[in-house]
């Protein structure tokens, strides 16, 4: 079985432990996350009971493309987009080239709780970023490296699986 879960902000990608975990949202037994999404990120998390499928989805050698929409601090420049597309050098090495483009604020987006901070004099902008790696907090580190820190990060797709209209905190069978 394979489920798609729309992970809300602040939820840990594990079933046990303190705080808000997957156990508070998913009551299906013997399924496990295929990959991870940090506590501060939202969006699509795949869960399965199939170890081989879990490995195929999450192991970097399979280059499974992941799509994110990212709200960033400031009005991003075309130069920063070019840098992201070439790959950036982080402390743990050069990232693979990403596919990046500027997008309009998504009209389908749900409100985040708590809301992203608002600063009257500093604009924000949105990008779509597609990567095949999964380094720890990679998207956040990439956007910060090019001078535009991430304010909100939502994964919308993993390979052929998409978030579609799954409400935050809900899951569907794929």
Protein backbone atom coordinates (compact mmCIF):
# COMPACT_ATOMS: atom_id res chain seq x y z
CA UNK A 1 0.00 0.00 0.00
CA UNK A 2 1.05 3.59 -0.62
CA UNK A 3 -0.36 6.72 0.96
CA UNK A 4 0.17 10.39 0.28
CA UNK A 5 0.00 12.59 3.39
CA UNK A 6 -0.13 16.39 3.42
CA UNK A 7 2.18 17.04 6.35
CA UNK A 8 1.34 20.23 8.23
CA UNK A 9 3.98 22.63 9.53
CA UNK A 10 5.44 21.49 12.87
CA UNK A 11 4.76 17.76 12.47
CA UNK A 12 7.68 15.34 12.93
CA UNK A 13 8.08 12.63 10.26
CA UNK A 14 8.00 9.79 12.76
CA UNK A 15 5.31 7.85 14.57
CA UNK A 16 6.75 8.02 18.09
CA UNK A 17 8.34 10.64 20.28
CA UNK A 18 7.32 13.86 21.88
CA UNK A 19 5.42 16.60 20.13
CA UNK A 20 3.25 16.46 17.05
CA UNK A 21 4.02 13.24 15.14
CA UNK A 22 2.52 11.22 12.29
CA UNK A 23 0.69 9.09 14.88
CA UNK A 24 -1.61 12.06 15.53
CA UNK A 25 -2.83 11.94 11.91
CA UNK A 26 -2.40 8.42 10.53
CA UNK A 27 -4.06 5.41 12.11
CA UNK A 28 -2.87 2.77 9.62
CA UNK A 29 -0.46 0.26 11.17
CA UNK A 30 2.87 -0.94 9.75
CA UNK A 31 3.49 1.89 7.30
CA UNK A 32 6.59 4.02 7.25
CA UNK A 33 7.67 7.28 5.62
CA UNK A 34 9.49 6.95 2.30
CA UNK A 35 11.89 9.83 2.77
CA UNK A 36 11.58 12.72 5.14
CA UNK A 37 10.34 16.26 5.38
CA UNK A 38 11.67 18.44 8.18
CA UNK A 39 9.47 19.76 10.96
CA UNK A 40 9.35 23.26 9.45
CA UNK A 41 8.29 22.04 6.00
CA UNK A 42 4.86 21.14 4.69
CA UNK A 43 3.37 19.06 1.94
CA UNK A 44 3.63 15.65 0.36
CA UNK A 45 5.03 12.78 2.38
CA UNK A 46 4.72 9.25 1.00
CA UNK A 47 4.16 6.35 3.38
CA UNK A 48 4.22 2.65 2.54
CA UNK A 49 4.33 -0.85 3.99
CA UNK A 50 6.55 -2.02 1.10
CA UNK A 51 10.26 -1.89 2.00
CA UNK A 52 11.42 -2.17 -1.63
CA UNK A 53 9.15 0.68 -2.71
CA UNK A 54 10.26 2.76 0.27
CA UNK A 55 13.88 2.23 -0.81
CA UNK A 56 13.11 3.12 -4.45
CA UNK A 57 11.40 6.33 -3.42
CA UNK A 58 13.90 7.53 -0.85
CA UNK A 59 17.35 6.30 -1.89
CA UNK A 60 19.39 8.98 -3.70
CA UNK A 61 20.71 6.53 -6.32
CA UNK A 62 17.26 6.46 -7.95
CA UNK A 63 17.29 10.24 -8.58
CA UNK A 64 13.59 10.57 -7.77
CA UNK A 65 12.69 14.18 -8.59
CA UNK A 66 11.01 16.15 -5.82
CA UNK A 67 9.14 19.40 -6.49
CA UNK A 68 8.83 22.18 -3.94
CA UNK A 69 7.23 25.58 -3.92
CA UNK A 70 9.21 27.96 -1.80
CA UNK A 71 8.35 31.37 -0.37
CA UNK A 72 11.55 33.31 0.05
CA UNK A 73 12.61 36.47 1.79
CA UNK A 74 13.07 39.22 -0.81
CA UNK A 75 12.43 39.57 -4.52
CA UNK A 76 14.55 36.79 -6.05
CA UNK A 77 16.84 37.69 -8.90
CA UNK A 78 17.37 35.88 -12.18
CA UNK A 79 21.01 35.49 -11.14
CA UNK A 80 19.98 33.54 -8.05
CA UNK A 81 17.72 31.31 -10.18
CA UNK A 82 20.68 30.66 -12.52
CA UNK A 83 22.87 29.71 -9.54
CA UNK A 84 20.25 27.25 -8.26
CA UNK A 85 20.02 25.71 -11.73
CA UNK A 86 23.79 25.20 -11.88
CA UNK A 87 24.08 23.80 -8.35
CA UNK A 88 25.50 25.54 -5.30
CA UNK A 89 28.41 24.65 -3.06
CA UNK A 90 27.21 23.90 0.46
CA UNK A 91 29.38 22.82 3.42
CA UNK A 92 28.75 19.17 2.53
CA UNK A 93 29.53 19.59 -1.17
CA UNK A 94 28.12 20.79 -4.46
CA UNK A 95 24.43 20.19 -5.03
CA UNK A 96 23.26 18.67 -8.26
CA UNK A 97 21.76 21.21 -10.65
CA UNK A 98 18.15 22.04 -9.80
CA UNK A 99 15.28 23.11 -11.99
CA UNK A 100 14.19 26.49 -10.67
CA UNK A 101 11.76 29.13 -11.83
CA UNK A 102 9.94 32.11 -10.39
CA UNK A 103 6.21 31.54 -9.88
CA UNK A 104 3.22 33.60 -8.76
CA UNK A 105 1.88 33.14 -5.25
CA UNK A 106 -0.11 29.89 -5.46
CA UNK A 107 -3.85 30.60 -5.37
CA UNK A 108 -4.61 27.13 -3.95
CA UNK A 109 -2.42 27.50 -0.88
CA UNK A 110 -3.82 26.95 2.60
CA UNK A 111 -2.93 29.31 5.46
CA UNK A 112 0.05 28.24 7.52
CA UNK A 113 -0.29 27.94 11.28
CA UNK A 114 1.55 29.84 12.63
CA UNK A 115 1.65 32.34 9.76
CA UNK A 116 4.93 33.29 8.08
CA UNK A 117 6.26 36.52 9.55
CA UNK A 118 5.22 39.63 7.65
CA UNK A 119 7.56 42.57 7.19
CA UNK A 120 6.03 45.63 5.54
CA UNK A 121 9.26 46.84 3.90
CA UNK A 122 10.65 43.50 2.67
CA UNK A 123 8.82 41.71 -0.15
CA UNK A 124 8.62 37.97 -0.53
CA UNK A 125 8.59 35.93 -3.71
CA UNK A 126 7.85 32.36 -4.71
CA UNK A 127 9.86 29.84 -6.70
CA UNK A 128 9.33 26.29 -7.83
CA UNK A 129 12.38 24.14 -7.23
CA UNK A 130 12.92 20.58 -8.46
CA UNK A 131 15.79 18.52 -7.05
CA UNK A 132 16.86 14.89 -7.15
CA UNK A 133 19.04 14.93 -4.05
CA UNK A 134 17.85 14.97 -0.48
CA UNK A 135 20.60 16.46 1.64
CA UNK A 136 19.56 17.59 5.11
CA UNK A 137 17.52 20.82 4.77
CA UNK A 138 18.90 21.15 1.24
CA UNK A 139 16.32 23.52 -0.24
CA UNK A 140 16.59 25.88 2.72
CA UNK A 141 20.38 25.87 2.54
CA UNK A 142 20.35 26.39 -1.24
CA UNK A 143 18.06 29.43 -1.15
CA UNK A 144 20.00 30.95 1.77
CA UNK A 145 23.26 30.37 -0.12
CA UNK A 146 22.03 32.46 -3.05
CA UNK A 147 20.90 35.23 -0.68
CA UNK A 148 17.20 34.49 -0.29
CA UNK A 149 16.30 32.62 2.91
CA UNK A 150 13.31 30.28 2.83
CA UNK A 151 10.22 31.43 4.71
CA UNK A 152 7.86 28.62 3.71
CA UNK A 153 8.58 25.30 2.02
CA UNK A 154 5.92 22.98 0.58
CA UNK A 155 6.68 19.74 -1.27
CA UNK A 156 4.09 19.22 -4.00
CA UNK A 157 5.43 16.19 -5.88
CA UNK A 158 7.71 13.15 -5.58
CA UNK A 159 8.30 11.44 -8.92
CA UNK A 160 4.84 10.85 -10.41
CA UNK A 161 2.99 11.25 -7.09
CA UNK A 162 1.44 14.65 -6.45
CA UNK A 163 -0.14 16.40 -3.51
CA UNK A 164 -3.28 17.10 -5.56
CA UNK A 165 -6.03 18.34 -3.27
CA UNK A 166 -5.12 16.45 -0.11
CA UNK A 167 -5.98 18.75 2.79
CA UNK A 168 -3.30 19.47 5.41
CA UNK A 169 -3.25 16.71 8.04
CA UNK A 170 -5.09 14.26 5.76
CA UNK A 171 -3.90 11.28 3.71
CA UNK A 172 -5.12 9.33 0.70
CA UNK A 173 -4.33 5.97 -0.79
CA UNK A 174 -2.43 6.09 -4.10
